[in-house]
Amino acid sequence: MCDSDSIVATGKMQTFKKFLASAGSTPIFAFFYSPSCGHCITLKRHFDTYRSKCQSSKQKVIIIYINKETASEIFQHYNITSWPQVMIFKNNKKIDHIIGADVEKLQYAFKKVGL
């Protein structure tokens, strides 16, 4: 089962913190990207594939896309100055961080949560 939440699109850090807290032990894959970034577009295709996989899976995972242009406050909070980046959260804490379009690390991270 794959969830997403459009509330993140507001780009407010306070809203994002509430979102993280409400997810509890469900892993959240937060994909930080810019729509004009070529590497981001490439990595987004892989995210879209995993989103399709997790919709038919029994494993609950949340996949969210955080756009640099609409969520600069969240980017600033996490000191993200280059993209793409993936942060994985669980129990309201960051448990992993992938910098760049590293498909192998992304595949490994999804495999660790059962996808």
N, C-alpha and C. Protein backbone atom coordinates (compact mmCIF):
# COMPACT_ATOMS: atom_id res chain seq x y z
N MET A 1 0.85 -1.17 0.00
CA MET A 1 0.00 0.00 0.00
C MET A 1 0.89 1.23 0.00
N CYS A 2 0.61 2.13 -0.90
CA CYS A 2 1.42 3.32 -1.03
C CYS A 2 0.56 4.55 -0.76
N ASP A 3 1.03 5.40 0.10
CA ASP A 3 0.31 6.63 0.40
C ASP A 3 1.12 7.81 -0.07
N SER A 4 0.42 8.89 -0.31
CA SER A 4 1.10 10.17 -0.53
C SER A 4 0.20 11.22 0.07
N ASP A 5 0.73 12.37 0.25
CA ASP A 5 -0.06 13.42 0.88
C ASP A 5 0.24 14.74 0.23
N SER A 6 -0.78 15.39 -0.30
CA SER A 6 -0.58 16.65 -1.01
C SER A 6 -0.31 17.81 -0.05
N ILE A 7 -0.47 17.59 1.25
CA ILE A 7 -0.26 18.67 2.22
C ILE A 7 1.18 19.18 2.17
N VAL A 8 2.10 18.34 1.75
CA VAL A 8 3.50 18.73 1.67
C VAL A 8 3.70 19.81 0.60
N ALA A 9 2.81 19.85 -0.37
CA ALA A 9 2.93 20.82 -1.46
C ALA A 9 2.87 22.27 -0.97
N THR A 10 2.37 22.49 0.24
CA THR A 10 2.31 23.85 0.76
C THR A 10 3.70 24.40 1.03
N GLY A 11 4.67 23.52 1.27
CA GLY A 11 6.04 23.95 1.46
C GLY A 11 6.35 24.53 2.83
N LYS A 12 5.46 24.44 3.76
CA LYS A 12 5.68 24.99 5.10
C LYS A 12 6.33 23.93 5.99
N MET A 13 7.40 24.31 6.66
CA MET A 13 8.12 23.37 7.51
C MET A 13 7.25 22.85 8.64
N GLN A 14 6.45 23.70 9.23
CA GLN A 14 5.58 23.29 10.33
C GLN A 14 4.60 22.20 9.87
N THR A 15 4.07 22.36 8.68
CA THR A 15 3.16 21.36 8.12
C THR A 15 3.89 20.06 7.85
N PHE A 16 5.11 20.15 7.33
CA PHE A 16 5.91 18.96 7.05
C PHE A 16 6.24 18.22 8.33
N LYS A 17 6.59 18.94 9.39
CA LYS A 17 6.87 18.30 10.69
C LYS A 17 5.65 17.54 11.21
N LYS A 18 4.47 18.13 11.08
CA LYS A 18 3.24 17.45 11.51
C LYS A 18 3.01 16.20 10.68
N PHE A 19 3.28 16.30 9.39
CA PHE A 19 3.14 15.16 8.49
C PHE A 19 4.06 14.03 8.91
N LEU A 20 5.32 14.34 9.19
CA LEU A 20 6.28 13.32 9.63
C LEU A 20 5.81 12.65 10.92
N ALA A 21 5.35 13.45 11.86
CA ALA A 21 4.90 12.91 13.15
C ALA A 21 3.69 12.00 12.97
N SER A 22 2.79 12.36 12.07
CA SER A 22 1.56 11.58 11.90
C SER A 22 1.80 10.24 11.22
N ALA A 23 2.93 10.09 10.52
CA ALA A 23 3.21 8.84 9.81
C ALA A 23 3.66 7.72 10.75
N GLY A 24 4.13 8.08 11.93
CA GLY A 24 4.55 7.06 12.89
C GLY A 24 5.66 6.19 12.35
N SER A 25 5.47 4.88 12.39
CA SER A 25 6.51 3.94 11.98
C SER A 25 6.48 3.62 10.48
N THR A 26 5.58 4.23 9.75
CA THR A 26 5.54 4.03 8.30
C THR A 26 6.71 4.78 7.66
N PRO A 27 7.53 4.09 6.88
CA PRO A 27 8.66 4.77 6.24
C PRO A 27 8.17 5.81 5.24
N ILE A 28 8.82 6.97 5.24
CA ILE A 28 8.52 8.04 4.30
C ILE A 28 9.76 8.26 3.44
N PHE A 29 9.59 8.14 2.14
CA PHE A 29 10.65 8.45 1.19
C PHE A 29 10.35 9.84 0.64
N ALA A 30 11.14 10.82 1.03
CA ALA A 30 10.94 12.20 0.59
C ALA A 30 11.96 12.50 -0.50
N PHE A 31 11.45 12.74 -1.69
CA PHE A 31 12.30 13.02 -2.85
C PHE A 31 12.36 14.52 -3.07
N PHE A 32 13.52 15.10 -2.80
CA PHE A 32 13.74 16.53 -2.96
C PHE A 32 14.29 16.77 -4.37
N TYR A 33 13.59 17.59 -5.15
CA TYR A 33 13.97 17.75 -6.55
C TYR A 33 13.66 19.15 -7.06
N SER A 34 14.19 19.44 -8.24
CA SER A 34 13.84 20.64 -8.99
C SER A 34 13.33 20.17 -10.35
N PRO A 35 12.21 20.70 -10.81
CA PRO A 35 11.65 20.24 -12.08
C PRO A 35 12.55 20.52 -13.30
N SER A 36 13.52 21.42 -13.16
CA SER A 36 14.41 21.74 -14.27
C SER A 36 15.72 20.96 -14.23
N CYS A 37 15.86 20.05 -13.28
CA CYS A 37 17.09 19.28 -13.08
C CYS A 37 17.02 17.96 -13.84
N GLY A 38 17.96 17.75 -14.76
CA GLY A 38 17.97 16.51 -15.55
C GLY A 38 18.13 15.25 -14.70
N HIS A 39 19.03 15.28 -13.72
CA HIS A 39 19.23 14.12 -12.85
C HIS A 39 17.97 13.84 -12.02
N CYS A 40 17.28 14.91 -11.64
CA CYS A 40 16.03 14.76 -10.87
C CYS A 40 14.97 14.05 -11.71
N ILE A 41 14.87 14.44 -12.97
CA ILE A 41 13.88 13.84 -13.86
C ILE A 41 14.17 12.35 -14.02
N THR A 42 15.45 12.01 -14.17
CA THR A 42 15.85 10.60 -14.29
C THR A 42 15.49 9.82 -13.04
N LEU A 43 15.83 10.36 -11.87
CA LEU A 43 15.55 9.66 -10.61
C LEU A 43 14.05 9.59 -10.34
N LYS A 44 13.30 10.60 -10.77
CA LYS A 44 11.85 10.60 -10.57
C LYS A 44 11.21 9.42 -11.28
N ARG A 45 11.74 9.02 -12.42
CA ARG A 45 11.20 7.84 -13.13
C ARG A 45 11.30 6.60 -12.24
N HIS A 46 12.41 6.48 -11.51
CA HIS A 46 12.56 5.34 -10.61
C HIS A 46 11.57 5.44 -9.45
N PHE A 47 11.37 6.65 -8.93
CA PHE A 47 10.39 6.84 -7.87
C PHE A 47 8.99 6.46 -8.36
N ASP A 48 8.67 6.85 -9.57
CA ASP A 48 7.36 6.52 -10.14
C ASP A 48 7.18 5.01 -10.24
N THR A 49 8.26 4.29 -10.60
CA THR A 49 8.21 2.83 -10.67
C THR A 49 7.93 2.24 -9.29
N TYR A 50 8.63 2.74 -8.27
CA TYR A 50 8.41 2.23 -6.91
C TYR A 50 7.02 2.62 -6.40
N ARG A 51 6.53 3.77 -6.79
CA ARG A 51 5.18 4.16 -6.39
C ARG A 51 4.17 3.16 -6.96
N SER A 52 4.36 2.74 -8.20
CA SER A 52 3.48 1.73 -8.80
C SER A 52 3.59 0.41 -8.06
N LYS A 53 4.83 0.01 -7.73
CA LYS A 53 5.05 -1.25 -7.01
C LYS A 53 4.37 -1.24 -5.64
N CYS A 54 4.51 -0.14 -4.92
CA CYS A 54 4.01 -0.14 -3.55
C CYS A 54 2.49 -0.01 -3.51
N GLN A 55 1.86 0.42 -4.58
CA GLN A 55 0.41 0.47 -4.60
C GLN A 55 -0.21 -0.93 -4.61
N SER A 56 0.55 -1.90 -5.13
CA SER A 56 0.04 -3.27 -5.14
C SER A 56 0.66 -4.12 -4.04
N SER A 57 1.51 -3.52 -3.22
CA SER A 57 2.20 -4.25 -2.16
C SER A 57 1.42 -4.17 -0.85
N LYS A 58 1.67 -5.13 0.02
CA LYS A 58 1.08 -5.09 1.36
C LYS A 58 1.91 -4.21 2.29
N GLN A 59 3.14 -3.93 1.89
CA GLN A 59 4.03 -3.09 2.69
C GLN A 59 3.58 -1.64 2.59
N LYS A 60 3.40 -1.00 3.73
CA LYS A 60 2.98 0.40 3.72
C LYS A 60 4.20 1.31 3.67
N VAL A 61 4.23 2.16 2.68
CA VAL A 61 5.31 3.11 2.47
C VAL A 61 4.67 4.41 2.00
N ILE A 62 5.25 5.52 2.39
CA ILE A 62 4.79 6.82 1.90
C ILE A 62 5.89 7.39 1.01
N ILE A 63 5.51 7.78 -0.20
CA ILE A 63 6.44 8.40 -1.13
C ILE A 63 5.93 9.80 -1.42
N ILE A 64 6.78 10.78 -1.18
CA ILE A 64 6.37 12.17 -1.44
C ILE A 64 7.44 12.86 -2.28
N TYR A 65 7.00 13.80 -3.07
CA TYR A 65 7.86 14.61 -3.92
C TYR A 65 7.86 16.02 -3.34
N ILE A 66 9.04 16.57 -3.11
CA ILE A 66 9.14 17.92 -2.56
C ILE A 66 9.88 18.79 -3.57
N ASN A 67 9.14 19.71 -4.15
CA ASN A 67 9.60 20.55 -5.24
C ASN A 67 10.34 21.77 -4.70
N LYS A 68 11.53 22.00 -5.18
CA LYS A 68 12.35 23.15 -4.75
C LYS A 68 11.61 24.47 -4.95
N GLU A 69 10.82 24.57 -6.02
CA GLU A 69 10.16 25.82 -6.35
C GLU A 69 8.98 26.14 -5.44
N THR A 70 8.38 25.12 -4.83
CA THR A 70 7.20 25.36 -3.98
C THR A 70 7.45 25.06 -2.51
N ALA A 71 8.61 24.51 -2.19
CA ALA A 71 8.87 24.12 -0.80
C ALA A 71 10.26 24.57 -0.35
N SER A 72 10.63 25.79 -0.67
CA SER A 72 11.98 26.26 -0.33
C SER A 72 12.23 26.28 1.18
N GLU A 73 11.18 26.47 1.97
CA GLU A 73 11.35 26.47 3.43
C GLU A 73 11.83 25.11 3.94
N ILE A 74 11.30 24.05 3.35
CA ILE A 74 11.71 22.69 3.75
C ILE A 74 13.13 22.43 3.28
N PHE A 75 13.46 22.86 2.06
CA PHE A 75 14.83 22.72 1.55
C PHE A 75 15.81 23.44 2.47
N GLN A 76 15.48 24.65 2.88
CA GLN A 76 16.36 25.42 3.76
C GLN A 76 16.53 24.75 5.11
N HIS A 77 15.44 24.23 5.66
CA HIS A 77 15.51 23.58 6.97
C HIS A 77 16.51 22.43 6.96
N TYR A 78 16.51 21.63 5.89
CA TYR A 78 17.40 20.48 5.80
C TYR A 78 18.72 20.81 5.10
N ASN A 79 18.95 22.11 4.83
CA ASN A 79 20.19 22.58 4.22
C ASN A 79 20.47 21.87 2.89
N ILE A 80 19.45 21.74 2.08
CA ILE A 80 19.59 21.10 0.78
C ILE A 80 19.95 22.17 -0.24
N THR A 81 21.17 22.09 -0.72
CA THR A 81 21.65 23.08 -1.68
C THR A 81 21.94 22.47 -3.05
N SER A 82 21.81 21.15 -3.15
CA SER A 82 21.95 20.47 -4.43
C SER A 82 20.89 19.37 -4.49
N TRP A 83 20.54 18.98 -5.68
CA TRP A 83 19.49 17.98 -5.84
C TRP A 83 19.80 17.14 -7.05
N PRO A 84 19.23 15.96 -7.11
CA PRO A 84 18.21 15.39 -6.24
C PRO A 84 18.80 14.85 -4.94
N GLN A 85 17.95 14.77 -3.94
CA GLN A 85 18.28 14.12 -2.69
C GLN A 85 17.05 13.37 -2.20
N VAL A 86 17.30 12.30 -1.48
CA VAL A 86 16.23 11.50 -0.89
C VAL A 86 16.51 11.40 0.60
N MET A 87 15.51 11.73 1.39
CA MET A 87 15.61 11.51 2.83
C MET A 87 14.53 10.51 3.21
N ILE A 88 14.93 9.57 4.04
CA ILE A 88 13.99 8.55 4.49
C ILE A 88 13.76 8.77 5.97
N PHE A 89 12.50 8.88 6.33
CA PHE A 89 12.10 9.15 7.71
C PHE A 89 11.29 7.98 8.24
N LYS A 90 11.41 7.77 9.54
CA LYS A 90 10.59 6.77 10.24
C LYS A 90 10.54 7.19 11.70
N ASN A 91 9.37 7.07 12.30
CA ASN A 91 9.19 7.48 13.69
C ASN A 91 9.67 8.92 13.92
N ASN A 92 9.36 9.77 12.95
CA ASN A 92 9.64 11.20 13.04
C ASN A 92 11.14 11.52 13.05
N LYS A 93 11.98 10.59 12.56
CA LYS A 93 13.43 10.81 12.52
C LYS A 93 13.96 10.44 11.14
N LYS A 94 14.98 11.17 10.71
CA LYS A 94 15.65 10.81 9.45
C LYS A 94 16.50 9.58 9.70
N ILE A 95 16.27 8.52 8.91
CA ILE A 95 17.03 7.29 9.09
C ILE A 95 18.00 7.01 7.95
N ASP A 96 17.85 7.73 6.84
CA ASP A 96 18.78 7.55 5.73
C ASP A 96 18.74 8.79 4.86
N HIS A 97 19.80 8.98 4.07
CA HIS A 97 19.92 10.17 3.23
C HIS A 97 20.74 9.79 2.00
N ILE A 98 20.16 9.98 0.84
CA ILE A 98 20.84 9.67 -0.42
C ILE A 98 21.03 10.98 -1.17
N ILE A 99 22.27 11.28 -1.50
CA ILE A 99 22.58 12.52 -2.22
C ILE A 99 22.92 12.17 -3.66
N GLY A 100 22.27 12.84 -4.59
CA GLY A 100 22.51 12.61 -6.01
C GLY A 100 21.60 11.54 -6.57
N ALA A 101 21.76 11.31 -7.85
CA ALA A 101 20.90 10.36 -8.57
C ALA A 101 21.50 8.95 -8.49
N ASP A 102 21.66 8.46 -7.29
CA ASP A 102 22.26 7.14 -7.06
C ASP A 102 21.16 6.08 -7.04
N VAL A 103 20.91 5.51 -8.20
CA VAL A 103 19.82 4.55 -8.36
C VAL A 103 20.06 3.30 -7.52
N GLU A 104 21.30 2.84 -7.44
CA GLU A 104 21.60 1.63 -6.66
C GLU A 104 21.27 1.83 -5.18
N LYS A 105 21.64 2.98 -4.62
CA LYS A 105 21.33 3.24 -3.22
C LYS A 105 19.82 3.35 -3.01
N LEU A 106 19.13 3.95 -3.97
CA LEU A 106 17.67 4.06 -3.87
C LEU A 106 17.03 2.67 -3.91
N GLN A 107 17.49 1.82 -4.82
CA GLN A 107 16.96 0.46 -4.90
C GLN A 107 17.19 -0.29 -3.60
N TYR A 108 18.39 -0.14 -3.03
CA TYR A 108 18.71 -0.80 -1.76
C TYR A 108 17.80 -0.29 -0.64
N ALA A 109 17.56 1.01 -0.60
CA ALA A 109 16.70 1.59 0.44
C ALA A 109 15.28 1.06 0.33
N PHE A 110 14.75 0.97 -0.88
CA PHE A 110 13.40 0.42 -1.06
C PHE A 110 13.37 -1.07 -0.72
N LYS A 111 14.44 -1.77 -1.04
CA LYS A 111 14.51 -3.20 -0.73
C LYS A 111 14.48 -3.42 0.79
N LYS A 112 15.14 -2.53 1.53
CA LYS A 112 15.17 -2.67 2.99
C LYS A 112 13.77 -2.56 3.61
N VAL A 113 12.86 -1.85 2.93
CA VAL A 113 11.49 -1.73 3.47
C VAL A 113 10.52 -2.70 2.82
N GLY A 114 11.05 -3.61 2.00
CA GLY A 114 10.22 -4.67 1.47
C GLY A 114 9.64 -4.44 0.08
N LEU A 115 10.14 -3.47 -0.65
CA LEU A 115 9.66 -3.25 -2.02
C LEU A 115 10.69 -3.70 -3.04
